[in-house]
C-alpha cells in the first residue's frame, strides 16, 4: 500500500528529471532556471527522499512476498506471487537506475556495464549498417509517434481507472454492510488490493497527462525551427550529397574523357576497333562506373554520413536485384557493343523506315544518312539491339532524292525537293509547299527526274486515209520534224534521244508513240516538254497536209429504218 502510494511521486520524479536546473545547464540552457533556488533545492531533496523511500518499500514488499512464497503450498498462489516478484524486481531495477542517474547528474550507467563477447553474425552486421537510417527516420517522426502513443495510453488508463474506481466503490459499499466480521475482513483485503490497483492507474494516468501536455505545449516559433532545420540541411547532409555526387562525376568524367580521347585518336588514324579493343572499352566503362561509386562512398565515409551511405547501399542492392532479372537483355546489349550482335558497325540498318549507316557503336550509337539534312541520330544501345543490319554495296542509294531534285510521285504529284530530313520531306508543288512524312514520301514511290535524266512520251494519231504510207514515210517525216524542232528549242541542249514509232491502229486513227529522253538538268521543264511533243506533232501534220481524225460513231441501219445486226446499211455521223 505504501509502495503504491509513492509510485506516482517516483514517476513524477523521473519525468521531471529533465527539467531540473542542473540538467538544463548540461543540455545547453534550453530550460530556464527557477527564480527561487532555495525552493528548487528543497523540492530536489524531497524527490530524493521519495525515490529512496519507494525503493525501500519495494524491497520490503519483495521480502514479504518471498516469505509468503515459502509458506504457501498452493501452486496457483505460488504462480501469482512469482509474477508479483518479477514485476517488483523490474520496478526496483528501473527505480535504482533512475536514482543513480539522478544522483550522478545524468550519467548513463550502461556505459559501465561490461558487454559479453559476441561472435561475428552477418545479420547483426547488416543491421548495424542500416541501423543509423532507421534511427534517423525514427528521430524525424519521434514527436508525432510519441504523441499518438501517449494519447492511446491516456485512453487506456482512463478506461481502466474508471472501471477500478467503480469496482472499489462497490467493494466499499459491500464492506460497510457486511453481516459478519469474516466478510468484513475479506472485503477489507480486497479493498486494499483494488485501491492499490486504482492508485497505480491514477499515477500512470497523471504521468501520461503530464508528458502529453509537455509535448503539446507551444515551443519555439516555427520560423526559428525551419531556419535551424534549413541550416542543418545546408551545412550537413546536403553538402555531403553534393560532395559525393561531385566525386563520382569527376571520377567517371575523367575516365570517360580519357577513353574518348583514345577512341578519337584511333578513328583519326582510320583504324577499326577489333573485338579485343571493344571488350576493353566495355570493361573500361564498367570499371569507371564502379570507381565512381567507390568515390561517392569514400566521400560519405570520410564525412561520417552513415545515413546517405546506407541509402546508397540500399540503392545498390536494389540495382543488383534488378540486374539479376534483366541480365539477358544486358547480355544482348553487350553483344552489340562488342560488335558481335545483330547490328554491326559499318553496316546498313533500317530504322523508322529509313536506311542508315551504323557509323559507331557505343552506349549511344551513331547512325548516319548522308542524303538527309540533320541525318545523324544517336540511338541508345537498348533500342539498337532490337534491329538487324546487313552489309551493303557502295552503289546502293541512301534516299531516292536529294535536295533541289525534281520528282514525280505515284499520285502524279510533280515538284522540286526543298529539304528532306529524317522526319519530313518538303516539295514545292505549283508554287506552294507540300510536306510529307519521310516514310509516307517513300511509300509514294518517288520518280527522280534529276538524278540520271528522264523521258517523256505521248501518243498521236493520223487519219486512215494515210494508211498506205503511215508505217514508213509518215513515221519518218514525223520523227525528223520532231527531232529537228526539239534540237532547235530551248531544251535542245538537254536532248539525249528522240523516237517515233507506229503504235496501234485505233478505232478512228492510226496512232504513233512519241518518245524523247533528256538529261536531268531539264527536269524542271518536264510538263512543258510533254506539251511541246503534242504541239510539234500538230505542226508536222499541218506542214505535210496530214489529216488529224476525230472520234466517229457508225450506226448500221436495216431496210425500212430498223437496226440491222449485220451492218447492211451504213450511215455515218
Protein backbone atom coordinates (compact mmCIF):
# COMPACT_ATOMS: atom_id res chain seq x y z
CA UNK A 1 0.00 0.00 0.00
CA UNK A 2 2.74 2.37 0.93
CA UNK A 3 4.76 1.39 -2.13
CA UNK A 4 1.79 2.09 -4.41
CA UNK A 5 1.13 5.42 -2.80
CA UNK A 6 4.65 6.62 -3.54
CA UNK A 7 4.75 5.25 -7.09
CA UNK A 8 3.21 8.38 -8.58
CA UNK A 9 5.78 10.58 -6.83
CA UNK A 10 8.55 8.38 -8.19
CA UNK A 11 7.23 8.57 -11.75
CA UNK A 12 6.87 12.33 -11.44
CA UNK A 13 10.46 12.44 -10.20
CA UNK A 14 11.66 10.55 -13.28
CA UNK A 15 9.64 12.73 -15.66
CA UNK A 16 10.75 15.95 -14.00
CA UNK A 17 14.38 14.87 -14.12
CA UNK A 18 14.86 16.53 -17.50
CA UNK A 19 13.61 19.96 -16.29
CA UNK A 20 15.75 20.43 -13.18
CA UNK A 21 18.24 23.30 -13.11
CA UNK A 22 21.38 21.16 -13.13
CA UNK A 23 20.17 19.05 -16.08
CA UNK A 24 19.12 22.14 -18.00
CA UNK A 25 22.61 23.58 -17.67
CA UNK A 26 24.13 20.39 -19.08
CA UNK A 27 21.69 20.46 -22.03
CA UNK A 28 22.84 23.92 -23.01
CA UNK A 29 20.40 26.07 -21.03
CA UNK A 30 17.24 25.29 -23.06
CA UNK A 31 15.16 25.29 -19.83
CA UNK A 32 15.01 28.41 -17.72
CA UNK A 33 16.41 28.17 -14.13
CA UNK A 34 13.72 28.83 -11.47
CA UNK A 35 13.97 32.14 -9.64
CA UNK A 36 13.65 30.63 -6.17
CA UNK A 37 16.75 28.45 -5.96
CA UNK A 38 16.07 27.51 -2.32
CA UNK A 39 12.60 26.16 -3.17
CA UNK A 40 14.02 24.20 -6.09
CA UNK A 41 16.71 22.65 -3.88
CA UNK A 42 14.09 21.73 -1.30
CA UNK A 43 11.96 20.02 -3.96
CA UNK A 44 15.01 18.14 -5.17
CA UNK A 45 15.75 16.73 -1.70
CA UNK A 46 12.11 15.83 -1.27
CA UNK A 47 12.18 13.94 -4.57
CA UNK A 48 15.33 12.15 -3.43
CA UNK A 49 13.63 11.08 -0.23
CA UNK A 50 10.53 9.86 -2.05
CA UNK A 51 12.62 7.88 -4.52
CA UNK A 52 14.74 6.19 -1.84
CA UNK A 53 11.62 5.50 0.21
CA UNK A 54 9.91 3.94 -2.78
CA UNK A 55 12.89 1.68 -3.43
CA UNK A 56 12.98 0.60 0.21
CA UNK A 57 9.24 -0.05 0.28
CA UNK A 58 9.53 -2.16 -2.85
CA UNK A 59 12.31 -4.20 -1.32
CA UNK A 60 10.30 -4.73 1.87
CA UNK A 61 7.30 -5.82 -0.16
CA UNK A 62 9.54 -8.20 -2.11
CA UNK A 63 10.78 -9.71 1.15
CA UNK A 64 7.21 -10.23 2.32
CA UNK A 65 6.27 -11.88 -0.96
CA UNK A 66 9.27 -14.19 -0.77
CA UNK A 67 8.25 -15.28 2.73
CA UNK A 68 4.69 -15.88 1.51
CA UNK A 69 6.10 -17.93 -1.37
CA UNK A 70 7.96 -20.16 1.08
CA UNK A 71 4.94 -20.60 3.37
CA UNK A 72 2.30 -21.37 0.73
CA UNK A 73 1.86 -24.74 -0.93
CA UNK A 74 -0.86 -23.75 -3.41
CA UNK A 75 0.55 -23.80 -6.95
CA UNK A 76 -1.79 -21.09 -8.22
CA UNK A 77 -0.86 -18.82 -5.34
CA UNK A 78 2.83 -19.51 -5.97
CA UNK A 79 2.45 -18.53 -9.62
CA UNK A 80 0.76 -15.28 -8.62
CA UNK A 81 3.47 -14.47 -6.08
CA UNK A 82 6.22 -15.23 -8.59
CA UNK A 83 4.59 -12.85 -11.11
CA UNK A 84 4.44 -10.13 -8.43
CA UNK A 85 8.07 -10.75 -7.52
CA UNK A 86 9.11 -10.47 -11.15
CA UNK A 87 7.21 -7.21 -11.51
CA UNK A 88 8.73 -5.81 -8.32
CA UNK A 89 12.25 -6.79 -9.40
CA UNK A 90 11.79 -4.94 -12.70
CA UNK A 91 10.42 -1.88 -10.89
CA UNK A 92 13.30 -1.89 -8.39
CA UNK A 93 15.85 -2.12 -11.18
CA UNK A 94 14.21 0.75 -13.06
CA UNK A 95 13.98 2.89 -9.91
CA UNK A 96 17.58 2.13 -8.96
CA UNK A 97 18.76 3.19 -12.45
CA UNK A 98 16.76 6.41 -12.17
CA UNK A 99 18.19 7.05 -8.69
CA UNK A 100 21.79 6.54 -9.86
CA UNK A 101 21.28 8.66 -12.97
CA UNK A 102 19.75 11.47 -10.87
CA UNK A 103 22.46 11.32 -8.21
CA UNK A 104 25.31 11.25 -10.77
CA UNK A 105 23.98 14.19 -12.78
CA UNK A 106 22.64 12.29 -15.76
CA UNK A 107 25.45 9.77 -16.34
CA UNK A 108 24.44 6.78 -18.45
CA UNK A 109 25.28 3.84 -16.16
CA UNK A 110 25.02 1.40 -19.08
CA UNK A 111 28.38 2.68 -20.26
CA UNK A 112 29.97 0.87 -17.31
CA UNK A 113 28.13 -2.39 -17.90
CA UNK A 114 30.53 -4.92 -19.45
CA UNK A 115 29.33 -6.35 -22.74
CA UNK A 116 29.76 -10.06 -23.40
CA UNK A 117 31.96 -11.18 -26.25
CA UNK A 118 29.91 -11.77 -29.38
CA UNK A 119 30.72 -13.91 -32.39
CA UNK A 120 30.50 -12.49 -35.89
CA UNK A 121 26.93 -12.53 -37.18
CA UNK A 122 26.36 -11.16 -40.69
CA UNK A 123 22.74 -10.38 -39.84
CA UNK A 124 23.79 -8.20 -36.92
CA UNK A 125 26.50 -6.56 -39.00
CA UNK A 126 24.00 -5.79 -41.75
CA UNK A 127 21.61 -4.47 -39.14
CA UNK A 128 24.33 -2.21 -37.75
CA UNK A 129 24.84 -0.76 -41.25
CA UNK A 130 21.19 0.12 -41.75
CA UNK A 131 20.51 0.98 -38.11
CA UNK A 132 21.50 4.67 -38.48
CA UNK A 133 18.91 5.07 -41.25
CA UNK A 134 16.17 3.60 -39.10
CA UNK A 135 17.28 5.68 -36.12
CA UNK A 136 17.24 8.86 -38.21
CA UNK A 137 13.79 8.09 -39.58
CA UNK A 138 12.56 7.36 -36.07
CA UNK A 139 14.03 10.64 -34.87
CA UNK A 140 12.28 12.59 -37.60
CA UNK A 141 8.93 11.02 -36.72
CA UNK A 142 9.52 10.67 -33.00
CA UNK A 143 7.34 13.53 -31.78
CA UNK A 144 4.12 12.68 -33.70
CA UNK A 145 4.54 8.99 -32.92
CA UNK A 146 5.08 9.72 -29.24
CA UNK A 147 2.02 11.96 -29.13
CA UNK A 148 -0.07 9.24 -30.74
CA UNK A 149 1.28 6.64 -28.31
CA UNK A 150 0.59 8.84 -25.29
CA UNK A 151 -2.96 9.52 -26.44
CA UNK A 152 -3.52 5.81 -26.81
CA UNK A 153 -2.12 5.20 -23.33
CA UNK A 154 -4.24 8.03 -21.95
CA UNK A 155 -7.42 6.44 -23.28
CA UNK A 156 -6.23 3.04 -22.00
CA UNK A 157 -5.60 4.28 -18.42
CA UNK A 158 -8.74 6.43 -18.33
CA UNK A 159 -10.93 3.50 -19.20
CA UNK A 160 -9.33 1.17 -16.65
CA UNK A 161 -9.16 3.84 -13.96
CA UNK A 162 -12.91 4.41 -14.29
CA UNK A 163 -13.52 0.66 -14.04
CA UNK A 164 -11.22 0.35 -10.99
CA UNK A 165 -12.94 3.32 -9.30
CA UNK A 166 -16.36 1.75 -9.84
CA UNK A 167 -15.13 -1.63 -8.57
CA UNK A 168 -13.57 -0.07 -5.46
CA UNK A 169 -16.80 1.84 -4.72
CA UNK A 170 -18.75 -1.40 -4.96
CA UNK A 171 -16.32 -3.19 -2.61
CA UNK A 172 -16.51 -0.36 -0.04
CA UNK A 173 -20.32 -0.45 -0.09
CA UNK A 174 -20.32 -4.20 0.49
CA UNK A 175 -17.78 -3.91 3.32
CA UNK A 176 -19.93 -1.37 5.17
CA UNK A 177 -22.94 -3.65 5.05
CA UNK A 178 -21.13 -6.93 5.71
CA UNK A 179 -23.09 -9.02 8.28
CA UNK A 180 -20.07 -10.82 9.77
CA UNK A 181 -16.54 -9.95 10.78
CA UNK A 182 -15.06 -12.52 8.41
CA UNK A 183 -16.78 -10.93 5.43
CA UNK A 184 -15.64 -7.52 6.58
CA UNK A 185 -12.02 -8.69 6.75
CA UNK A 186 -12.27 -10.32 3.31
CA UNK A 187 -13.75 -7.18 1.80
CA UNK A 188 -11.03 -5.13 3.53
CA UNK A 189 -8.27 -7.23 1.90
CA UNK A 190 -10.00 -6.96 -1.46
CA UNK A 191 -10.39 -3.23 -0.96
CA UNK A 192 -6.65 -2.90 -0.27
CA UNK A 193 -5.79 -4.75 -3.49
CA UNK A 194 -8.16 -2.73 -5.68
CA UNK A 195 -7.15 0.52 -4.03
CA UNK A 196 -3.55 -0.30 -4.88
CA UNK A 197 -4.56 -1.04 -8.45
CA UNK A 198 -6.55 2.18 -8.72
CA UNK A 199 -3.69 4.27 -7.29
CA UNK A 200 -1.28 2.69 -9.74
CA UNK A 201 -3.59 3.51 -12.69
CA UNK A 202 -4.10 7.02 -11.37
CA UNK A 203 -0.35 7.59 -11.11
CA UNK A 204 0.29 6.30 -14.62
CA UNK A 205 -2.60 8.40 -15.99
CA UNK A 206 -1.23 11.57 -14.38
CA UNK A 207 2.24 10.85 -15.72
CA UNK A 208 0.82 10.28 -19.23
CA UNK A 209 -1.16 13.53 -19.00
CA UNK A 210 1.96 15.36 -17.89
CA UNK A 211 4.09 14.06 -20.76
CA UNK A 212 1.32 14.78 -23.26
CA UNK A 213 0.97 18.35 -22.02
CA UNK A 214 4.74 18.84 -22.32
CA UNK A 215 4.71 17.64 -25.93
CA UNK A 216 1.66 19.69 -26.88
CA UNK A 217 2.90 22.85 -25.16
CA UNK A 218 3.88 25.67 -27.57
CA UNK A 219 7.61 25.69 -28.23
CA UNK A 220 9.84 27.95 -30.26
CA UNK A 221 8.37 29.76 -33.29
CA UNK A 222 8.02 27.70 -36.45
CA UNK A 223 10.20 30.17 -38.37
CA UNK A 224 13.08 29.62 -35.97
CA UNK A 225 12.73 25.85 -36.21
CA UNK A 226 12.54 25.99 -40.01
CA UNK A 227 15.64 28.18 -40.13
CA UNK A 228 17.60 25.79 -37.94
CA UNK A 229 16.42 22.81 -39.97
CA UNK A 230 17.43 24.52 -43.22
CA UNK A 231 20.79 25.48 -41.78
CA UNK A 232 21.37 21.92 -40.60
CA UNK A 233 20.43 20.58 -44.03
CA UNK A 234 22.65 23.00 -45.96
CA UNK A 235 25.62 22.58 -43.66
CA UNK A 236 25.32 18.84 -43.25
CA UNK A 237 23.63 16.23 -45.35
CA UNK A 238 23.11 18.33 -48.50
CA UNK A 239 26.80 19.25 -48.59
CA UNK A 240 27.74 15.60 -48.18
CA UNK A 241 25.42 14.61 -51.00
CA UNK A 242 26.82 17.28 -53.33
CA UNK A 243 30.39 16.30 -52.50
CA UNK A 244 29.62 12.62 -53.14
CA UNK A 245 27.98 13.42 -56.49
CA UNK A 246 30.87 15.68 -57.44
CA UNK A 247 33.42 12.98 -56.62
CA UNK A 248 31.51 10.39 -58.65
CA UNK A 249 31.09 12.77 -61.60
CA UNK A 250 34.76 13.78 -61.62
CA UNK A 251 35.91 10.17 -61.42
CA UNK A 252 33.65 8.91 -64.18
CA UNK A 253 34.09 12.05 -66.31
CA UNK A 254 37.86 11.87 -66.17
CA UNK A 255 37.95 8.20 -67.13
CA UNK A 256 35.36 8.73 -69.86
CA UNK A 257 37.33 11.66 -71.30
CA UNK A 258 40.47 9.54 -71.34
CA UNK A 259 38.68 6.74 -73.17
CA UNK A 260 37.05 9.14 -75.64
CA UNK A 261 40.39 10.76 -76.45
CA UNK A 262 41.91 7.37 -77.22
CA UNK A 263 38.89 6.36 -79.39
CA UNK A 264 39.06 9.59 -81.41
CA UNK A 265 42.77 9.09 -81.91
CA UNK A 266 42.15 5.63 -83.32
CA UNK A 267 39.37 6.92 -85.59
CA UNK A 268 41.51 9.73 -86.96
CA UNK A 269 44.12 7.19 -87.93
CA UNK A 270 41.42 5.25 -89.79
CA UNK A 271 41.72 2.13 -87.66
CA UNK A 272 38.72 -0.01 -86.93
CA UNK A 273 38.36 -1.25 -83.42
CA UNK A 274 38.90 -5.02 -83.18
CA UNK A 275 36.98 -7.28 -80.83
CA UNK A 276 39.57 -7.03 -78.06
CA UNK A 277 39.50 -3.25 -78.21
CA UNK A 278 35.72 -3.24 -77.90
CA UNK A 279 35.84 -5.69 -74.98
CA UNK A 280 38.43 -3.47 -73.29
CA UNK A 281 36.21 -0.44 -73.90
CA UNK A 282 33.20 -2.15 -72.32
CA UNK A 283 35.28 -3.29 -69.35
CA UNK A 284 36.64 0.25 -69.04
CA UNK A 285 33.11 1.67 -68.82
CA UNK A 286 32.15 -0.84 -66.12
CA UNK A 287 35.31 -0.10 -64.13
CA UNK A 288 34.64 3.63 -64.45
CA UNK A 289 31.14 3.17 -63.00
CA UNK A 290 32.44 1.06 -60.12
CA UNK A 291 35.20 3.55 -59.31
CA UNK A 292 32.70 6.41 -59.42
CA UNK A 293 30.53 4.56 -56.87
CA UNK A 294 33.56 3.91 -54.68
CA UNK A 295 34.48 7.59 -54.85
CA UNK A 296 30.99 8.61 -53.70
CA UNK A 297 31.05 6.03 -50.89
CA UNK A 298 34.52 7.16 -49.80
CA UNK A 299 33.35 10.78 -49.50
CA UNK A 300 30.34 9.76 -47.40
CA UNK A 301 32.56 7.53 -45.25
CA UNK A 302 35.10 10.28 -44.61
CA UNK A 303 32.34 12.77 -43.86
CA UNK A 304 30.75 10.27 -41.47
CA UNK A 305 27.32 10.48 -43.08
CA UNK A 306 26.08 6.97 -42.39
CA UNK A 307 22.53 7.83 -43.41
CA UNK A 308 23.39 8.65 -47.02
CA UNK A 309 25.91 5.82 -47.13
CA UNK A 310 23.25 3.36 -46.01
CA UNK A 311 20.77 4.70 -48.56
CA UNK A 312 23.40 4.33 -51.27
CA UNK A 313 23.94 0.71 -50.24
CA UNK A 314 20.19 0.11 -50.38
CA UNK A 315 20.11 1.55 -53.91
CA UNK A 316 23.00 -0.68 -54.93
CA UNK A 317 21.29 -3.76 -53.51
CA UNK A 318 18.09 -2.87 -55.39
CA UNK A 319 20.09 -2.32 -58.58
CA UNK A 320 21.74 -5.71 -58.14
CA UNK A 321 18.36 -7.43 -57.75
CA UNK A 322 17.05 -5.62 -60.83
CA UNK A 323 20.17 -6.56 -62.78
CA UNK A 324 19.58 -10.20 -61.94
CA UNK A 325 16.14 -10.13 -63.56
CA UNK A 326 17.19 -8.13 -66.64
CA UNK A 327 20.54 -9.84 -67.20
CA UNK A 328 19.57 -11.44 -70.58
CA UNK A 329 18.73 -8.01 -72.02
CA UNK A 330 22.05 -6.59 -70.82
CA UNK A 331 23.93 -9.52 -72.36
CA UNK A 332 22.22 -8.80 -75.70
CA UNK A 333 23.27 -5.16 -75.48
CA UNK A 334 26.81 -6.20 -74.55
CA UNK A 335 27.00 -8.28 -77.76
CA UNK A 336 26.03 -5.20 -79.76
CA UNK A 337 28.74 -3.14 -78.06
CA UNK A 338 31.27 -5.88 -78.80
CA UNK A 339 30.20 -5.83 -82.48
CA UNK A 340 29.10 -9.45 -82.43
CA UNK A 341 25.35 -8.84 -82.17
CA UNK A 342 22.58 -8.42 -84.75
CA UNK A 343 23.74 -4.85 -85.56
CA UNK A 344 27.34 -4.27 -86.55
CA UNK A 345 29.44 -1.23 -87.19
CA UNK A 346 29.77 -0.08 -90.82
CA UNK A 347 26.64 -1.94 -91.98
CA UNK A 348 23.25 -0.74 -93.18
CA UNK A 349 20.19 -0.83 -90.94
CA UNK A 350 16.57 0.25 -91.38
CA UNK A 351 15.29 2.48 -88.58
CA UNK A 352 11.88 4.21 -88.70
CA UNK A 353 11.52 3.08 -92.32
CA UNK A 354 14.71 4.85 -93.48
CA UNK A 355 18.13 3.38 -94.30
CA UNK A 356 21.03 4.33 -92.00
CA UNK A 357 24.70 3.54 -91.82
CA UNK A 358 25.94 2.37 -88.41
CA UNK A 359 28.89 4.70 -88.04
CA UNK A 360 29.88 3.91 -84.43
CA UNK A 361 28.64 1.51 -81.73
CA UNK A 362 28.54 2.81 -78.19
CA UNK A 363 26.13 3.28 -75.31
CA UNK A 364 24.58 5.85 -77.65
CA UNK A 365 25.40 4.62 -81.15
CA UNK A 366 25.70 6.94 -84.15
CA UNK A 367 23.57 6.35 -87.25
CA UNK A 368 24.21 8.43 -90.38
CA UNK A 369 22.28 9.05 -93.60
CA UNK A 370 24.36 11.30 -95.90
CA UNK A 371 21.41 12.42 -98.08
CA UNK A 372 19.27 13.80 -95.24
CA UNK A 373 19.59 17.20 -93.65
CA UNK A 374 20.38 16.51 -89.99
CA UNK A 375 20.86 12.88 -90.94
CA UNK A 376 22.72 11.96 -87.77
CA UNK A 377 20.94 10.08 -84.99
CA UNK A 378 22.17 8.99 -81.56
CA UNK A 379 20.39 5.76 -80.69
CA UNK A 380 20.63 4.03 -77.29
CA UNK A 381 22.05 0.56 -77.43
CA UNK A 382 18.88 -0.83 -75.82
CA UNK A 383 16.87 0.21 -78.88
CA UNK A 384 19.59 -0.62 -81.38
CA UNK A 385 19.79 -4.20 -80.11
CA UNK A 386 16.28 -4.85 -81.47
CA UNK A 387 17.33 -4.07 -85.08
CA UNK A 388 19.20 -6.13 -87.67
CA UNK A 389 21.85 -4.74 -90.00
CA UNK A 390 23.38 -6.05 -93.25
CA UNK A 391 26.32 -5.39 -95.49
CA UNK A 392 25.73 -3.08 -98.44
CA UNK A 393 27.23 -2.13 -101.78
CA UNK A 394 28.70 1.31 -102.33
CA UNK A 395 26.27 1.93 -105.21
CA UNK A 396 23.16 1.46 -103.04
CA UNK A 397 21.21 4.70 -102.60
CA UNK A 398 20.57 6.11 -99.13
CA UNK A 399 17.50 8.05 -100.28
CA UNK A 400 15.66 8.28 -103.64
CA UNK A 401 16.22 12.02 -103.95
CA UNK A 402 18.43 14.93 -102.99
CA UNK A 403 17.54 18.49 -102.19
CA UNK A 404 16.67 20.53 -105.33
CA UNK A 405 15.87 17.36 -107.29
CA UNK A 406 12.60 17.18 -109.26
CA UNK A 407 10.43 14.16 -108.54
CA UNK A 408 7.11 12.71 -109.67
CA UNK A 409 5.16 10.71 -107.08
CA UNK A 410 2.82 7.79 -107.66
CA UNK A 411 -0.18 10.11 -107.29
CA UNK A 412 1.19 12.25 -110.22
CA UNK A 413 2.43 14.99 -107.87
CA UNK A 414 5.32 16.82 -109.52
CA UNK A 415 7.63 19.15 -107.62
CA UNK A 416 11.10 20.15 -106.52
CA UNK A 417 12.53 18.85 -103.22
CA UNK A 418 13.14 21.81 -100.95
CA UNK A 419 14.50 19.90 -97.98
CA UNK A 420 14.49 16.37 -96.63
CA UNK A 421 15.13 15.41 -93.02
CA UNK A 422 14.72 12.17 -91.04
CA UNK A 423 11.17 13.28 -90.20
CA UNK A 424 9.83 15.33 -93.16
CA UNK A 425 10.23 15.92 -96.90
CA UNK A 426 9.07 19.25 -98.36
CA UNK A 427 8.21 19.72 -102.06
CA UNK A 428 7.45 22.88 -103.98
CA UNK A 429 4.36 21.96 -105.99
CA UNK A 430 2.80 24.59 -108.28
CA UNK A 431 4.29 27.42 -106.26
CA UNK A 432 3.11 26.01 -102.91
CA UNK A 433 4.96 23.89 -100.35
CA UNK A 434 3.70 20.37 -99.72
CA UNK A 435 5.02 18.37 -96.77
CA UNK A 436 5.21 14.60 -96.44
CA UNK A 437 6.40 12.47 -93.53
CA UNK A 438 9.61 10.78 -94.65
CA UNK A 439 8.02 7.33 -94.53
CA UNK A 440 4.95 8.46 -96.49
CA UNK A 441 7.19 10.09 -99.11
CA UNK A 442 8.89 6.73 -99.72
CA UNK A 443 5.51 5.00 -99.85
CA UNK A 444 4.60 7.25 -102.82
CA UNK A 445 7.48 5.67 -104.80
CA UNK A 446 9.09 8.93 -106.00
CA UNK A 447 10.49 9.00 -109.53
CA UNK A 448 13.62 11.15 -109.55
CA UNK A 449 13.83 13.19 -112.80
CA UNK A 450 17.09 14.93 -111.91
CA UNK A 451 19.32 12.02 -110.97
CA UNK A 452 20.05 10.32 -114.32
CA UNK A 453 17.62 12.09 -116.61
CA UNK A 454 14.09 11.27 -117.69
CA UNK A 455 11.93 10.54 -120.74
CA UNK A 456 8.58 11.93 -121.83
CA UNK A 457 6.21 10.08 -124.12
CA UNK A 458 2.87 10.69 -125.75
CA UNK A 459 0.57 9.28 -128.46
CA UNK A 460 -0.62 11.00 -131.61
CA UNK A 461 -2.87 9.73 -134.43
CA UNK A 462 -3.48 10.49 -138.14
CA UNK A 463 -6.45 9.63 -140.32
CA UNK A 464 -6.91 6.24 -142.03
CA UNK A 465 -6.61 7.87 -145.45
CA UNK A 466 -2.81 7.87 -144.88
CA UNK A 467 -2.81 4.16 -144.20
CA UNK A 468 -0.58 3.26 -147.16
CA UNK A 469 2.35 5.46 -146.03
CA UNK A 470 1.81 5.57 -142.29
CA UNK A 471 4.41 2.99 -141.26
CA UNK A 472 7.26 4.35 -143.34
CA UNK A 473 7.01 7.76 -144.96
CA UNK A 474 4.67 9.39 -142.46
CA UNK A 475 6.58 7.94 -139.47
CA UNK A 476 9.99 9.02 -140.80
CA UNK A 477 8.82 12.52 -141.69
CA UNK A 478 7.16 12.93 -138.30
CA UNK A 479 10.27 11.78 -136.41
CA UNK A 480 12.56 14.04 -138.43
CA UNK A 481 10.33 17.03 -137.86
CA UNK A 482 10.05 16.46 -134.10
CA UNK A 483 13.79 15.80 -133.68
CA UNK A 484 14.74 18.94 -135.57
CA UNK A 485 12.31 21.12 -133.67
CA UNK A 486 13.37 19.71 -130.29
CA UNK A 487 17.01 20.42 -131.09
CA UNK A 488 16.12 23.95 -132.06
CA UNK A 489 14.01 24.51 -128.94
CA UNK A 490 15.40 25.88 -125.60
CA UNK A 491 15.56 22.27 -124.40
CA UNK A 492 17.68 21.05 -127.28
CA UNK A 493 20.87 21.19 -125.21
CA UNK A 494 19.42 18.59 -122.85
CA UNK A 495 18.07 16.24 -125.53
CA UNK A 496 19.55 12.74 -125.42
CA UNK A 497 17.42 10.88 -127.94
CA UNK A 498 14.13 11.05 -129.82
CA UNK A 499 11.96 8.29 -131.25
CA UNK A 500 8.67 7.99 -133.18
CA UNK A 501 7.15 4.54 -133.73
CA UNK A 502 3.87 3.28 -135.07
CA UNK A 503 1.90 2.23 -132.00
CA UNK A 504 -1.55 0.89 -132.91
CA UNK A 505 -4.45 1.03 -135.36
CA UNK A 506 -7.11 2.53 -133.16
CA UNK A 507 -10.82 2.76 -133.91
CA UNK A 508 -10.65 6.18 -135.57
CA UNK A 509 -6.93 6.81 -136.08
CA UNK A 510 -3.55 5.36 -136.77
CA UNK A 511 -1.57 6.12 -133.57
CA UNK A 512 2.13 6.90 -133.20
CA UNK A 513 4.20 6.61 -130.00
CA UNK A 514 6.25 9.79 -129.41
CA UNK A 515 9.25 9.46 -127.05
CA UNK A 516 12.06 11.85 -126.10
CA UNK A 517 14.83 11.46 -123.46
CA UNK A 518 16.54 14.38 -121.70
CA UNK A 519 19.30 14.99 -119.18
CA UNK A 520 18.42 15.65 -115.54
CA UNK A 521 19.07 19.38 -115.98
CA UNK A 522 15.80 19.67 -117.94
CA UNK A 523 13.72 18.13 -115.14
CA UNK A 524 12.14 21.47 -114.26
CA UNK A 525 10.65 21.58 -117.82
CA UNK A 526 9.06 18.13 -117.58
CA UNK A 527 5.46 19.10 -118.32
CA UNK A 528 6.47 21.77 -120.83
CA UNK A 529 8.30 19.14 -122.88
CA UNK A 530 5.27 16.83 -122.82
CA UNK A 531 3.10 19.62 -124.17
CA UNK A 532 5.78 20.53 -126.72
CA UNK A 533 5.67 17.00 -128.21
CA UNK A 534 1.96 17.35 -128.98
CA UNK A 535 2.46 20.82 -130.50
CA UNK A 536 5.30 19.63 -132.75
CA UNK A 537 3.19 16.68 -133.97
CA UNK A 538 0.36 19.04 -134.94
CA UNK A 539 2.80 21.33 -136.72
CA UNK A 540 4.16 18.34 -138.71
CA UNK A 541 0.60 17.43 -139.80
CA UNK A 542 0.00 20.98 -140.93
CA UNK A 543 3.27 21.08 -142.84
CA UNK A 544 2.64 17.77 -144.67
CA UNK A 545 -1.13 18.01 -145.08
CA UNK A 546 -1.90 15.01 -142.85
CA UNK A 547 -5.46 14.81 -141.59
CA UNK A 548 -5.96 14.57 -137.84
CA UNK A 549 -9.03 12.39 -137.20
CA UNK A 550 -11.78 12.94 -134.68
CA UNK A 551 -13.93 10.39 -132.94
CA UNK A 552 -16.63 8.84 -135.25
CA UNK A 553 -19.80 6.98 -134.38
CA UNK A 554 -21.05 4.43 -137.02
CA UNK A 555 -24.71 3.35 -136.94
CA UNK A 556 -25.83 0.34 -139.05
CA UNK A 557 -29.49 0.51 -140.19
CA UNK A 558 -31.56 -2.29 -141.81
CA UNK A 559 -34.08 -1.74 -144.67
CA UNK A 560 -37.16 0.11 -143.57
CA UNK A 561 -35.20 2.04 -140.95
CA UNK A 562 -34.78 -0.83 -138.48
CA UNK A 563 -31.45 -1.55 -136.88
CA UNK A 564 -29.53 -4.19 -138.81
CA UNK A 565 -27.43 -6.53 -136.70
CA UNK A 566 -25.17 -7.35 -139.67
CA UNK A 567 -24.50 -3.72 -140.62
CA UNK A 568 -26.24 -3.81 -144.08
CA UNK A 569 -26.88 -0.09 -144.15
CA UNK A 570 -24.21 2.40 -143.02
CA UNK A 571 -24.90 5.94 -142.03
CA UNK A 572 -22.01 7.83 -140.66
CA UNK A 573 -22.39 10.79 -138.32
